Amino acid sequence: MSLIRKVARPLLGAGFIADGIDRLRNTEEAAEKLEPTLEELSSLIPQAEIVTADPRRTAQVLGGVEVVAGVALAIGRFPRLAAFTLVGVHKVNSYVELRSAGLESVEDLTSQRDTLLKNLAILGGLGLAVADLDGKPSLGWRAEHLATRSRKKGAQFRDKTYQWAEDFGDDAVKTAKALERDAAKSFKRAEKEAVKAISAAAKEGKKKAEDAF
């Protein structure tokens, strides 16, 4: 892990840890702020009643998620999943904050604008954390690199095979070309299967992240 990651991740996670602890300590106050938003959500999505029916429990869950995901991000444990989870929590927090803010004076508007910009900046930081591969290539790059390298090695082997076959005559060349065609078909099938497997793994990873959120 680079020095920047060692510093940036704890800084990004610290605010969520503090906010989560505050929610758990002051559950009643947090539930009161959440209630209007939950009522609005319930009117839009009746199926969400299981979440919106108990603001106090929802506040506790959100607080716990903030603490766990914030700590995970700070120590670099599943940082992308932790950041992805915090993106969702931060959106909820930002909307609740925006909805409960008083806009009765110019000072209120200025304060609200500054808060909005701050929240957007945090969201941007979380977005970078979600996309950060910690110096490792993505699955798509790995698949493409593997295919390119395999094709390159296949071409080198083909050239060597032709050279050997020419040394033995025309029949050997014909046999080598026939073998090449068969090998090309097999390689294409293997390549498709590899890409399909990698795609399935990526989708499964994304689904697990969404389910965790």
N, C-alpha and C. Protein backbone atom coordinates (compact mmCIF):
# COMPACT_ATOMS: atom_id res chain seq x y z
N MET A 1 0.84 -1.19 0.00
CA MET A 1 0.00 0.00 0.00
C MET A 1 0.89 1.25 0.00
N SER A 2 0.59 2.21 -0.86
CA SER A 2 1.41 3.42 -0.94
C SER A 2 1.14 4.32 0.25
N LEU A 3 2.04 5.30 0.45
CA LEU A 3 1.92 6.23 1.56
C LEU A 3 0.63 7.04 1.46
N ILE A 4 0.26 7.43 0.22
CA ILE A 4 -0.97 8.21 0.03
C ILE A 4 -2.18 7.42 0.50
N ARG A 5 -2.25 6.14 0.14
CA ARG A 5 -3.38 5.31 0.57
C ARG A 5 -3.40 5.16 2.09
N LYS A 6 -2.22 5.00 2.69
CA LYS A 6 -2.14 4.84 4.14
C LYS A 6 -2.69 6.05 4.87
N VAL A 7 -2.54 7.22 4.26
CA VAL A 7 -3.03 8.45 4.89
C VAL A 7 -4.46 8.76 4.47
N ALA A 8 -4.75 8.62 3.17
CA ALA A 8 -6.05 9.04 2.64
C ALA A 8 -7.20 8.18 3.15
N ARG A 9 -7.01 6.88 3.21
CA ARG A 9 -8.12 6.01 3.63
C ARG A 9 -8.56 6.26 5.06
N PRO A 10 -7.62 6.37 6.03
CA PRO A 10 -8.06 6.69 7.40
C PRO A 10 -8.75 8.06 7.49
N LEU A 11 -8.24 9.04 6.73
CA LEU A 11 -8.86 10.36 6.76
C LEU A 11 -10.29 10.29 6.22
N LEU A 12 -10.49 9.52 5.17
CA LEU A 12 -11.82 9.40 4.56
C LEU A 12 -12.76 8.61 5.45
N GLY A 13 -12.24 7.60 6.12
CA GLY A 13 -13.09 6.77 6.97
C GLY A 13 -13.39 7.40 8.32
N ALA A 14 -12.52 8.31 8.80
CA ALA A 14 -12.67 8.87 10.15
C ALA A 14 -14.00 9.58 10.34
N GLY A 15 -14.40 10.37 9.35
CA GLY A 15 -15.65 11.12 9.47
C GLY A 15 -16.85 10.20 9.61
N PHE A 16 -16.86 9.10 8.88
CA PHE A 16 -17.98 8.15 8.95
C PHE A 16 -17.98 7.39 10.27
N ILE A 17 -16.79 7.07 10.76
CA ILE A 17 -16.70 6.40 12.06
C ILE A 17 -17.28 7.29 13.16
N ALA A 18 -16.87 8.57 13.15
CA ALA A 18 -17.36 9.52 14.16
C ALA A 18 -18.87 9.72 14.05
N ASP A 19 -19.36 9.84 12.80
CA ASP A 19 -20.80 10.04 12.60
C ASP A 19 -21.58 8.80 13.03
N GLY A 20 -21.04 7.62 12.74
CA GLY A 20 -21.71 6.38 13.14
C GLY A 20 -21.79 6.23 14.64
N ILE A 21 -20.69 6.54 15.33
CA ILE A 21 -20.68 6.47 16.80
C ILE A 21 -21.68 7.45 17.39
N ASP A 22 -21.73 8.65 16.81
CA ASP A 22 -22.68 9.66 17.29
C ASP A 22 -24.12 9.18 17.09
N ARG A 23 -24.39 8.52 15.97
CA ARG A 23 -25.74 7.98 15.72
C ARG A 23 -26.11 6.92 16.75
N LEU A 24 -25.15 6.08 17.08
CA LEU A 24 -25.42 5.01 18.04
C LEU A 24 -25.60 5.55 19.45
N ARG A 25 -24.88 6.61 19.76
CA ARG A 25 -25.00 7.21 21.10
C ARG A 25 -26.27 8.04 21.24
N ASN A 26 -26.68 8.72 20.17
CA ASN A 26 -27.84 9.60 20.20
C ASN A 26 -28.89 9.09 19.21
N THR A 27 -29.33 7.88 19.45
CA THR A 27 -30.23 7.22 18.51
C THR A 27 -31.55 7.96 18.34
N GLU A 28 -32.10 8.48 19.43
CA GLU A 28 -33.39 9.16 19.37
C GLU A 28 -33.31 10.40 18.47
N GLU A 29 -32.27 11.18 18.66
CA GLU A 29 -32.09 12.39 17.85
C GLU A 29 -31.87 12.03 16.37
N ALA A 30 -31.07 10.99 16.13
CA ALA A 30 -30.81 10.55 14.75
C ALA A 30 -32.10 10.04 14.10
N ALA A 31 -32.92 9.31 14.88
CA ALA A 31 -34.17 8.78 14.36
C ALA A 31 -35.13 9.91 14.01
N GLU A 32 -35.13 10.96 14.83
CA GLU A 32 -36.00 12.11 14.58
C GLU A 32 -35.63 12.80 13.26
N LYS A 33 -34.35 12.89 12.98
CA LYS A 33 -33.90 13.51 11.73
C LYS A 33 -34.23 12.62 10.53
N LEU A 34 -34.15 11.30 10.75
CA LEU A 34 -34.39 10.36 9.66
C LEU A 34 -35.87 10.21 9.32
N GLU A 35 -36.74 10.41 10.30
CA GLU A 35 -38.15 10.08 10.14
C GLU A 35 -38.81 10.72 8.92
N PRO A 36 -38.66 12.04 8.67
CA PRO A 36 -39.29 12.62 7.48
C PRO A 36 -38.84 11.98 6.17
N THR A 37 -37.55 11.67 6.09
CA THR A 37 -37.02 11.03 4.89
C THR A 37 -37.57 9.62 4.73
N LEU A 38 -37.69 8.89 5.84
CA LEU A 38 -38.22 7.54 5.78
C LEU A 38 -39.70 7.54 5.39
N GLU A 39 -40.44 8.52 5.89
CA GLU A 39 -41.85 8.63 5.52
C GLU A 39 -42.00 8.92 4.03
N GLU A 40 -41.13 9.78 3.53
CA GLU A 40 -41.16 10.09 2.09
C GLU A 40 -40.81 8.86 1.26
N LEU A 41 -39.81 8.11 1.73
CA LEU A 41 -39.42 6.89 1.03
C LEU A 41 -40.55 5.86 1.05
N SER A 42 -41.24 5.76 2.18
CA SER A 42 -42.33 4.81 2.31
C SER A 42 -43.49 5.14 1.38
N SER A 43 -43.75 6.44 1.18
CA SER A 43 -44.83 6.84 0.28
C SER A 43 -44.49 6.55 -1.18
N LEU A 44 -43.18 6.62 -1.49
CA LEU A 44 -42.75 6.36 -2.87
C LEU A 44 -42.61 4.86 -3.14
N ILE A 45 -42.11 4.13 -2.13
CA ILE A 45 -41.87 2.69 -2.28
C ILE A 45 -42.52 1.97 -1.10
N PRO A 46 -43.77 1.54 -1.24
CA PRO A 46 -44.47 0.86 -0.13
C PRO A 46 -43.73 -0.38 0.36
N GLN A 47 -42.99 -1.05 -0.55
CA GLN A 47 -42.27 -2.26 -0.16
C GLN A 47 -41.15 -1.98 0.84
N ALA A 48 -40.74 -0.71 0.95
CA ALA A 48 -39.65 -0.35 1.86
C ALA A 48 -40.13 -0.16 3.30
N GLU A 49 -41.39 -0.52 3.58
CA GLU A 49 -41.95 -0.29 4.91
C GLU A 49 -41.18 -1.03 5.99
N ILE A 50 -40.61 -2.18 5.64
CA ILE A 50 -39.85 -2.94 6.62
C ILE A 50 -38.65 -2.14 7.14
N VAL A 51 -38.15 -1.22 6.30
CA VAL A 51 -37.02 -0.38 6.70
C VAL A 51 -37.51 0.92 7.33
N THR A 52 -38.57 1.48 6.79
CA THR A 52 -39.03 2.80 7.20
C THR A 52 -39.93 2.78 8.43
N ALA A 53 -40.45 1.60 8.80
CA ALA A 53 -41.42 1.54 9.90
C ALA A 53 -40.81 1.87 11.25
N ASP A 54 -39.52 1.63 11.41
CA ASP A 54 -38.86 1.85 12.71
C ASP A 54 -37.64 2.76 12.53
N PRO A 55 -37.83 4.08 12.59
CA PRO A 55 -36.72 5.02 12.39
C PRO A 55 -35.57 4.79 13.37
N ARG A 56 -35.91 4.40 14.59
CA ARG A 56 -34.86 4.19 15.61
C ARG A 56 -33.95 3.04 15.20
N ARG A 57 -34.55 1.93 14.77
CA ARG A 57 -33.76 0.78 14.34
C ARG A 57 -32.94 1.12 13.09
N THR A 58 -33.56 1.87 12.17
CA THR A 58 -32.85 2.26 10.95
C THR A 58 -31.65 3.12 11.28
N ALA A 59 -31.81 4.04 12.24
CA ALA A 59 -30.69 4.89 12.65
C ALA A 59 -29.56 4.07 13.24
N GLN A 60 -29.92 3.06 14.03
CA GLN A 60 -28.90 2.19 14.63
C GLN A 60 -28.16 1.40 13.56
N VAL A 61 -28.92 0.88 12.59
CA VAL A 61 -28.30 0.10 11.51
C VAL A 61 -27.35 0.98 10.70
N LEU A 62 -27.80 2.17 10.34
CA LEU A 62 -26.95 3.09 9.57
C LEU A 62 -25.70 3.46 10.36
N GLY A 63 -25.88 3.70 11.67
CA GLY A 63 -24.71 4.01 12.50
C GLY A 63 -23.72 2.87 12.55
N GLY A 64 -24.24 1.64 12.71
CA GLY A 64 -23.36 0.47 12.73
C GLY A 64 -22.64 0.26 11.42
N VAL A 65 -23.36 0.45 10.31
CA VAL A 65 -22.75 0.30 8.99
C VAL A 65 -21.64 1.33 8.80
N GLU A 66 -21.90 2.56 9.23
CA GLU A 66 -20.88 3.62 9.10
C GLU A 66 -19.62 3.26 9.87
N VAL A 67 -19.78 2.76 11.08
CA VAL A 67 -18.61 2.43 11.90
C VAL A 67 -17.83 1.27 11.29
N VAL A 68 -18.53 0.21 10.93
CA VAL A 68 -17.85 -0.99 10.39
C VAL A 68 -17.18 -0.67 9.05
N ALA A 69 -17.92 -0.04 8.13
CA ALA A 69 -17.35 0.28 6.82
C ALA A 69 -16.26 1.33 6.94
N GLY A 70 -16.43 2.29 7.84
CA GLY A 70 -15.40 3.32 8.04
C GLY A 70 -14.10 2.73 8.56
N VAL A 71 -14.21 1.80 9.52
CA VAL A 71 -13.02 1.14 10.06
C VAL A 71 -12.36 0.29 8.98
N ALA A 72 -13.17 -0.45 8.23
CA ALA A 72 -12.63 -1.30 7.15
C ALA A 72 -11.87 -0.46 6.13
N LEU A 73 -12.43 0.69 5.77
CA LEU A 73 -11.75 1.56 4.81
C LEU A 73 -10.47 2.12 5.41
N ALA A 74 -10.52 2.51 6.67
CA ALA A 74 -9.36 3.13 7.32
C ALA A 74 -8.17 2.17 7.42
N ILE A 75 -8.45 0.89 7.69
CA ILE A 75 -7.35 -0.07 7.85
C ILE A 75 -7.04 -0.80 6.55
N GLY A 76 -7.78 -0.48 5.47
CA GLY A 76 -7.50 -1.10 4.17
C GLY A 76 -8.01 -2.52 4.06
N ARG A 77 -9.07 -2.84 4.81
CA ARG A 77 -9.66 -4.18 4.76
C ARG A 77 -10.88 -4.13 3.84
N PHE A 78 -10.82 -4.82 2.70
CA PHE A 78 -11.87 -4.73 1.68
C PHE A 78 -12.23 -3.26 1.40
N PRO A 79 -11.23 -2.45 1.06
CA PRO A 79 -11.46 -1.01 0.93
C PRO A 79 -12.46 -0.62 -0.14
N ARG A 80 -12.48 -1.34 -1.27
CA ARG A 80 -13.42 -0.98 -2.34
C ARG A 80 -14.86 -1.27 -1.94
N LEU A 81 -15.08 -2.42 -1.31
CA LEU A 81 -16.42 -2.76 -0.83
C LEU A 81 -16.85 -1.79 0.26
N ALA A 82 -15.92 -1.45 1.17
CA ALA A 82 -16.23 -0.50 2.25
C ALA A 82 -16.60 0.87 1.68
N ALA A 83 -15.83 1.33 0.69
CA ALA A 83 -16.11 2.63 0.07
C ALA A 83 -17.44 2.61 -0.67
N PHE A 84 -17.73 1.50 -1.35
CA PHE A 84 -19.00 1.37 -2.06
C PHE A 84 -20.17 1.44 -1.08
N THR A 85 -20.03 0.79 0.06
CA THR A 85 -21.07 0.84 1.09
C THR A 85 -21.26 2.25 1.62
N LEU A 86 -20.14 2.93 1.85
CA LEU A 86 -20.21 4.30 2.39
C LEU A 86 -20.79 5.28 1.38
N VAL A 87 -20.66 4.99 0.09
CA VAL A 87 -21.30 5.84 -0.93
C VAL A 87 -22.81 5.87 -0.70
N GLY A 88 -23.40 4.69 -0.49
CA GLY A 88 -24.84 4.63 -0.24
C GLY A 88 -25.23 5.34 1.04
N VAL A 89 -24.47 5.11 2.11
CA VAL A 89 -24.78 5.76 3.39
C VAL A 89 -24.64 7.27 3.27
N HIS A 90 -23.61 7.71 2.56
CA HIS A 90 -23.36 9.15 2.41
C HIS A 90 -24.49 9.82 1.64
N LYS A 91 -25.04 9.13 0.65
CA LYS A 91 -26.17 9.70 -0.09
C LYS A 91 -27.36 9.90 0.82
N VAL A 92 -27.62 8.92 1.68
CA VAL A 92 -28.72 9.05 2.65
C VAL A 92 -28.45 10.21 3.60
N ASN A 93 -27.23 10.27 4.14
CA ASN A 93 -26.87 11.34 5.07
C ASN A 93 -27.03 12.72 4.43
N SER A 94 -26.57 12.83 3.19
CA SER A 94 -26.62 14.12 2.49
C SER A 94 -28.06 14.55 2.27
N TYR A 95 -28.92 13.61 1.89
CA TYR A 95 -30.33 13.95 1.64
C TYR A 95 -31.03 14.35 2.94
N VAL A 96 -30.75 13.60 4.01
CA VAL A 96 -31.35 13.94 5.31
C VAL A 96 -30.89 15.32 5.76
N GLU A 97 -29.62 15.60 5.58
CA GLU A 97 -29.06 16.90 5.96
C GLU A 97 -29.67 18.02 5.13
N LEU A 98 -29.82 17.78 3.85
CA LEU A 98 -30.40 18.79 2.97
C LEU A 98 -31.87 19.03 3.30
N ARG A 99 -32.59 17.95 3.59
CA ARG A 99 -34.02 18.06 3.85
C ARG A 99 -34.33 18.77 5.16
N SER A 100 -33.46 18.56 6.16
CA SER A 100 -33.71 19.13 7.49
C SER A 100 -33.11 20.52 7.67
N ALA A 101 -32.38 21.00 6.67
CA ALA A 101 -31.71 22.31 6.80
C ALA A 101 -32.74 23.44 6.69
N GLY A 102 -32.57 24.45 7.53
CA GLY A 102 -33.43 25.63 7.45
C GLY A 102 -32.88 26.62 6.44
N LEU A 103 -33.75 27.16 5.61
CA LEU A 103 -33.32 28.10 4.57
C LEU A 103 -34.10 29.41 4.73
N GLU A 104 -33.89 30.06 5.86
CA GLU A 104 -34.66 31.26 6.18
C GLU A 104 -33.89 32.55 5.96
N SER A 105 -32.61 32.46 5.67
CA SER A 105 -31.81 33.67 5.49
C SER A 105 -30.71 33.43 4.47
N VAL A 106 -30.04 34.51 4.10
CA VAL A 106 -28.92 34.40 3.16
C VAL A 106 -27.81 33.55 3.75
N GLU A 107 -27.60 33.69 5.07
CA GLU A 107 -26.56 32.90 5.75
C GLU A 107 -26.87 31.41 5.68
N ASP A 108 -28.16 31.08 5.80
CA ASP A 108 -28.56 29.68 5.70
C ASP A 108 -28.27 29.11 4.31
N LEU A 109 -28.57 29.93 3.30
CA LEU A 109 -28.31 29.50 1.92
C LEU A 109 -26.82 29.29 1.68
N THR A 110 -26.00 30.22 2.21
CA THR A 110 -24.55 30.10 2.05
C THR A 110 -24.03 28.85 2.75
N SER A 111 -24.54 28.63 3.98
CA SER A 111 -24.12 27.45 4.74
C SER A 111 -24.54 26.16 4.03
N GLN A 112 -25.76 26.18 3.46
CA GLN A 112 -26.24 25.00 2.75
C GLN A 112 -25.41 24.72 1.49
N ARG A 113 -25.02 25.78 0.81
CA ARG A 113 -24.18 25.62 -0.39
C ARG A 113 -22.84 25.00 -0.02
N ASP A 114 -22.23 25.51 1.07
CA ASP A 114 -20.94 24.98 1.51
C ASP A 114 -21.05 23.51 1.92
N THR A 115 -22.15 23.18 2.58
CA THR A 115 -22.38 21.79 3.00
C THR A 115 -22.53 20.88 1.79
N LEU A 116 -23.27 21.37 0.79
CA LEU A 116 -23.47 20.59 -0.43
C LEU A 116 -22.15 20.34 -1.14
N LEU A 117 -21.31 21.36 -1.24
CA LEU A 117 -20.00 21.20 -1.88
C LEU A 117 -19.12 20.23 -1.10
N LYS A 118 -19.20 20.31 0.23
CA LYS A 118 -18.42 19.39 1.06
C LYS A 118 -18.87 17.95 0.83
N ASN A 119 -20.18 17.75 0.79
CA ASN A 119 -20.71 16.40 0.57
C ASN A 119 -20.34 15.86 -0.81
N LEU A 120 -20.35 16.73 -1.81
CA LEU A 120 -19.95 16.31 -3.15
C LEU A 120 -18.47 15.92 -3.18
N ALA A 121 -17.65 16.68 -2.43
CA ALA A 121 -16.22 16.38 -2.38
C ALA A 121 -15.98 15.02 -1.72
N ILE A 122 -16.72 14.74 -0.63
CA ILE A 122 -16.60 13.44 0.04
C ILE A 122 -17.06 12.31 -0.89
N LEU A 123 -18.15 12.57 -1.61
CA LEU A 123 -18.65 11.57 -2.56
C LEU A 123 -17.62 11.29 -3.65
N GLY A 124 -16.94 12.34 -4.10
CA GLY A 124 -15.88 12.17 -5.09
C GLY A 124 -14.73 11.34 -4.55
N GLY A 125 -14.36 11.59 -3.29
CA GLY A 125 -13.29 10.81 -2.66
C GLY A 125 -13.66 9.34 -2.52
N LEU A 126 -14.92 9.09 -2.15
CA LEU A 126 -15.38 7.70 -2.05
C LEU A 126 -15.41 7.03 -3.42
N GLY A 127 -15.79 7.81 -4.44
CA GLY A 127 -15.78 7.26 -5.80
C GLY A 127 -14.38 6.82 -6.22
N LEU A 128 -13.38 7.62 -5.88
CA LEU A 128 -12.00 7.25 -6.19
C LEU A 128 -11.59 6.00 -5.42
N ALA A 129 -12.04 5.91 -4.16
CA ALA A 129 -11.70 4.73 -3.35
C ALA A 129 -12.34 3.47 -3.91
N VAL A 130 -13.56 3.60 -4.45
CA VAL A 130 -14.24 2.45 -5.06
C VAL A 130 -13.48 1.98 -6.30
N ALA A 131 -12.97 2.95 -7.08
CA ALA A 131 -12.29 2.61 -8.33
C ALA A 131 -10.82 2.25 -8.12
N ASP A 132 -10.28 2.51 -6.93
CA ASP A 132 -8.86 2.27 -6.68
C ASP A 132 -8.57 0.78 -6.61
N LEU A 133 -7.73 0.30 -7.50
CA LEU A 133 -7.38 -1.12 -7.56
C LEU A 133 -6.10 -1.43 -6.78
N ASP A 134 -5.60 -0.43 -6.07
CA ASP A 134 -4.40 -0.62 -5.24
C ASP A 134 -3.21 -1.10 -6.07
N GLY A 135 -3.11 -0.57 -7.28
CA GLY A 135 -2.00 -0.92 -8.16
C GLY A 135 -2.18 -2.20 -8.94
N LYS A 136 -3.31 -2.89 -8.74
CA LYS A 136 -3.56 -4.15 -9.44
C LYS A 136 -4.41 -3.90 -10.67
N PRO A 137 -4.15 -4.61 -11.76
CA PRO A 137 -4.96 -4.43 -12.98
C PRO A 137 -6.36 -4.96 -12.81
N SER A 138 -7.29 -4.42 -13.58
CA SER A 138 -8.68 -4.87 -13.51
C SER A 138 -8.83 -6.23 -14.17
N LEU A 139 -9.98 -6.87 -13.94
CA LEU A 139 -10.24 -8.18 -14.56
C LEU A 139 -10.27 -8.07 -16.08
N GLY A 140 -10.86 -6.97 -16.58
CA GLY A 140 -10.91 -6.79 -18.03
C GLY A 140 -9.53 -6.69 -18.64
N TRP A 141 -8.63 -5.93 -17.99
CA TRP A 141 -7.26 -5.79 -18.50
C TRP A 141 -6.54 -7.13 -18.45
N ARG A 142 -6.75 -7.88 -17.37
CA ARG A 142 -6.09 -9.18 -17.25
C ARG A 142 -6.54 -10.13 -18.36
N ALA A 143 -7.85 -10.12 -18.64
CA ALA A 143 -8.37 -11.00 -19.69
C ALA A 143 -7.79 -10.63 -21.05
N GLU A 144 -7.77 -9.33 -21.36
CA GLU A 144 -7.24 -8.87 -22.64
C GLU A 144 -5.75 -9.16 -22.76
N HIS A 145 -5.02 -8.92 -21.65
CA HIS A 145 -3.57 -9.17 -21.66
C HIS A 145 -3.28 -10.65 -21.86
N LEU A 146 -4.08 -11.50 -21.19
CA LEU A 146 -3.89 -12.94 -21.33
C LEU A 146 -4.15 -13.39 -22.76
N ALA A 147 -5.22 -12.86 -23.36
CA ALA A 147 -5.55 -13.22 -24.74
C ALA A 147 -4.46 -12.75 -25.70
N THR A 148 -3.98 -11.52 -25.52
CA THR A 148 -2.92 -10.98 -26.40
C THR A 148 -1.65 -11.80 -26.29
N ARG A 149 -1.27 -12.12 -25.06
CA ARG A 149 -0.05 -12.90 -24.85
C ARG A 149 -0.18 -14.29 -25.44
N SER A 150 -1.37 -14.88 -25.29
CA SER A 150 -1.59 -16.23 -25.84
C SER A 150 -1.51 -16.20 -27.36
N ARG A 151 -2.12 -15.16 -27.97
CA ARG A 151 -2.07 -15.05 -29.44
C ARG A 151 -0.63 -14.87 -29.91
N LYS A 152 0.14 -14.07 -29.18
CA LYS A 152 1.53 -13.82 -29.56
C LYS A 152 2.35 -15.11 -29.50
N LYS A 153 2.17 -15.85 -28.41
CA LYS A 153 2.90 -17.10 -28.27
C LYS A 153 2.45 -18.11 -29.32
N GLY A 154 1.14 -18.09 -29.63
CA GLY A 154 0.62 -19.00 -30.65
C GLY A 154 1.22 -18.71 -32.01
N ALA A 155 1.37 -17.40 -32.34
CA ALA A 155 1.95 -17.02 -33.63
C ALA A 155 3.41 -17.44 -33.70
N GLN A 156 4.14 -17.28 -32.59
CA GLN A 156 5.55 -17.69 -32.58
C GLN A 156 5.67 -19.19 -32.77
N PHE A 157 4.82 -19.94 -32.10
CA PHE A 157 4.86 -21.40 -32.24
C PHE A 157 4.50 -21.82 -33.65
N ARG A 158 3.51 -21.13 -34.26
CA ARG A 158 3.11 -21.45 -35.64
C ARG A 158 4.27 -21.25 -36.60
N ASP A 159 4.98 -20.13 -36.46
CA ASP A 159 6.10 -19.85 -37.36
C ASP A 159 7.19 -20.92 -37.22
N LYS A 160 7.46 -21.31 -35.99
CA LYS A 160 8.47 -22.34 -35.78
C LYS A 160 8.02 -23.68 -36.37
N THR A 161 6.71 -23.97 -36.22
CA THR A 161 6.18 -25.23 -36.75
C THR A 161 6.29 -25.28 -38.27
N TYR A 162 5.96 -24.16 -38.92
CA TYR A 162 6.08 -24.10 -40.38
C TYR A 162 7.53 -24.31 -40.82
N GLN A 163 8.44 -23.72 -40.08
CA GLN A 163 9.85 -23.85 -40.44
C GLN A 163 10.29 -25.31 -40.34
N TRP A 164 9.85 -25.95 -39.25
CA TRP A 164 10.20 -27.37 -39.09
C TRP A 164 9.55 -28.21 -40.20
N ALA A 165 8.29 -27.91 -40.51
CA ALA A 165 7.57 -28.69 -41.52
C ALA A 165 8.21 -28.55 -42.88
N GLU A 166 8.67 -27.33 -43.24
CA GLU A 166 9.30 -27.12 -44.54
C GLU A 166 10.56 -27.95 -44.69
N ASP A 167 11.21 -28.18 -43.57
CA ASP A 167 12.42 -28.99 -43.59
C ASP A 167 12.11 -30.46 -43.95
N PHE A 168 10.85 -30.86 -43.71
CA PHE A 168 10.48 -32.25 -43.96
C PHE A 168 9.65 -32.45 -45.22
N GLY A 169 9.25 -31.33 -45.91
CA GLY A 169 8.54 -31.48 -47.17
C GLY A 169 7.10 -30.98 -47.13
N ASP A 170 6.44 -31.08 -48.33
CA ASP A 170 5.10 -30.53 -48.51
C ASP A 170 4.06 -31.21 -47.62
N ASP A 171 4.14 -32.52 -47.49
CA ASP A 171 3.16 -33.23 -46.68
C ASP A 171 3.19 -32.73 -45.23
N ALA A 172 4.37 -32.49 -44.76
CA ALA A 172 4.51 -32.01 -43.38
C ALA A 172 3.89 -30.62 -43.23
N VAL A 173 4.07 -29.77 -44.29
CA VAL A 173 3.49 -28.41 -44.25
C VAL A 173 1.97 -28.50 -44.19
N LYS A 174 1.37 -29.37 -45.04
CA LYS A 174 -0.08 -29.53 -45.05
C LYS A 174 -0.59 -30.01 -43.68
N THR A 175 0.13 -30.96 -43.11
CA THR A 175 -0.26 -31.47 -41.79
C THR A 175 -0.18 -30.37 -40.74
N ALA A 176 0.86 -29.56 -40.82
CA ALA A 176 1.03 -28.47 -39.85
C ALA A 176 -0.09 -27.45 -39.96
N LYS A 177 -0.50 -27.13 -41.21
CA LYS A 177 -1.58 -26.16 -41.41
C LYS A 177 -2.91 -26.71 -40.88
N ALA A 178 -3.13 -28.01 -41.11
CA ALA A 178 -4.35 -28.63 -40.60
C ALA A 178 -4.37 -28.58 -39.07
N LEU A 179 -3.23 -28.88 -38.48
CA LEU A 179 -3.14 -28.83 -37.02
C LEU A 179 -3.34 -27.40 -36.51
N GLU A 180 -2.84 -26.43 -37.28
CA GLU A 180 -2.99 -25.03 -36.88
C GLU A 180 -4.47 -24.62 -36.87
N ARG A 181 -5.20 -25.05 -37.91
CA ARG A 181 -6.63 -24.72 -37.97
C ARG A 181 -7.37 -25.31 -36.77
N ASP A 182 -7.04 -26.56 -36.45
CA ASP A 182 -7.68 -27.20 -35.30
C ASP A 182 -7.32 -26.48 -34.00
N ALA A 183 -6.04 -26.09 -33.91
CA ALA A 183 -5.58 -25.40 -32.70
C ALA A 183 -6.25 -24.03 -32.57
N ALA A 184 -6.42 -23.34 -33.73
CA ALA A 184 -7.05 -22.02 -33.71
C ALA A 184 -8.49 -22.11 -33.22
N LYS A 185 -9.19 -23.15 -33.69
CA LYS A 185 -10.58 -23.35 -33.24
C LYS A 185 -10.63 -23.63 -31.73
N SER A 186 -9.71 -24.48 -31.29
CA SER A 186 -9.67 -24.81 -29.87
C SER A 186 -9.33 -23.58 -29.03
N PHE A 187 -8.39 -22.77 -29.55
CA PHE A 187 -7.99 -21.57 -28.82
C PHE A 187 -9.15 -20.58 -28.71
N LYS A 188 -9.90 -20.42 -29.82
CA LYS A 188 -11.03 -19.49 -29.79
C LYS A 188 -12.08 -19.95 -28.78
N ARG A 189 -12.31 -21.26 -28.75
CA ARG A 189 -13.28 -21.77 -27.77
C ARG A 189 -12.79 -21.52 -26.35
N ALA A 190 -11.50 -21.78 -26.13
CA ALA A 190 -10.93 -21.57 -24.79
C ALA A 190 -10.97 -20.10 -24.40
N GLU A 191 -10.69 -19.22 -25.40
CA GLU A 191 -10.71 -17.79 -25.13
C GLU A 191 -12.11 -17.32 -24.75
N LYS A 192 -13.11 -17.81 -25.48
CA LYS A 192 -14.50 -17.44 -25.17
C LYS A 192 -14.88 -17.91 -23.77
N GLU A 193 -14.48 -19.14 -23.44
CA GLU A 193 -14.80 -19.67 -22.12
C GLU A 193 -14.13 -18.86 -21.02
N ALA A 194 -12.87 -18.44 -21.28
CA ALA A 194 -12.14 -17.64 -20.28
C ALA A 194 -12.81 -16.29 -20.07
N VAL A 195 -13.17 -15.64 -21.18
CA VAL A 195 -13.84 -14.34 -21.07
C VAL A 195 -15.18 -14.49 -20.36
N LYS A 196 -15.90 -15.56 -20.69
CA LYS A 196 -17.21 -15.81 -20.06
C LYS A 196 -17.04 -16.03 -18.55
N ALA A 197 -16.01 -16.78 -18.17
CA ALA A 197 -15.77 -17.06 -16.75
C ALA A 197 -15.39 -15.80 -15.99
N ILE A 198 -14.55 -14.99 -16.62
CA ILE A 198 -14.13 -13.73 -15.98
C ILE A 198 -15.32 -12.79 -15.84
N SER A 199 -16.14 -12.71 -16.87
CA SER A 199 -17.33 -11.86 -16.83
C SER A 199 -18.28 -12.31 -15.73
N ALA A 200 -18.46 -13.62 -15.61
CA ALA A 200 -19.34 -14.16 -14.57
C ALA A 200 -18.80 -13.85 -13.18
N ALA A 201 -17.47 -13.95 -13.03
CA ALA A 201 -16.86 -13.65 -11.73
C ALA A 201 -17.03 -12.18 -11.38
N ALA A 202 -16.88 -11.30 -12.38
CA ALA A 202 -17.04 -9.87 -12.14
C ALA A 202 -18.48 -9.54 -11.73
N LYS A 203 -19.45 -10.16 -12.43
CA LYS A 203 -20.86 -9.93 -12.10
C LYS A 203 -21.18 -10.43 -10.71
N GLU A 204 -20.63 -11.59 -10.35
CA GLU A 204 -20.86 -12.16 -9.04
C GLU A 204 -20.29 -11.26 -7.95
N GLY A 205 -19.08 -10.70 -8.21
CA GLY A 205 -18.46 -9.79 -7.26
C GLY A 205 -19.29 -8.53 -7.08
N LYS A 206 -19.81 -8.01 -8.18
CA LYS A 206 -20.65 -6.80 -8.12
C LYS A 206 -21.94 -7.09 -7.37
N LYS A 207 -22.54 -8.27 -7.59
CA LYS A 207 -23.78 -8.65 -6.91
C LYS A 207 -23.55 -8.77 -5.41
N LYS A 208 -22.41 -9.38 -5.03
CA LYS A 208 -22.10 -9.53 -3.60
C LYS A 208 -21.93 -8.16 -2.95
N ALA A 209 -21.30 -7.23 -3.69
CA ALA A 209 -21.12 -5.88 -3.15
C ALA A 209 -22.46 -5.19 -2.95
N GLU A 210 -23.36 -5.35 -3.95
CA GLU A 210 -24.68 -4.74 -3.84
C GLU A 210 -25.50 -5.38 -2.74
N ASP A 211 -25.39 -6.70 -2.59
CA ASP A 211 -26.12 -7.40 -1.52
C ASP A 211 -25.61 -6.97 -0.16
N ALA A 212 -24.29 -6.78 -0.08
CA ALA A 212 -23.71 -6.35 1.20
C ALA A 212 -24.20 -4.98 1.58
N PHE A 213 -24.37 -4.10 0.56
CA PHE A 213 -24.88 -2.75 0.82
C PHE A 213 -26.36 -2.82 1.23
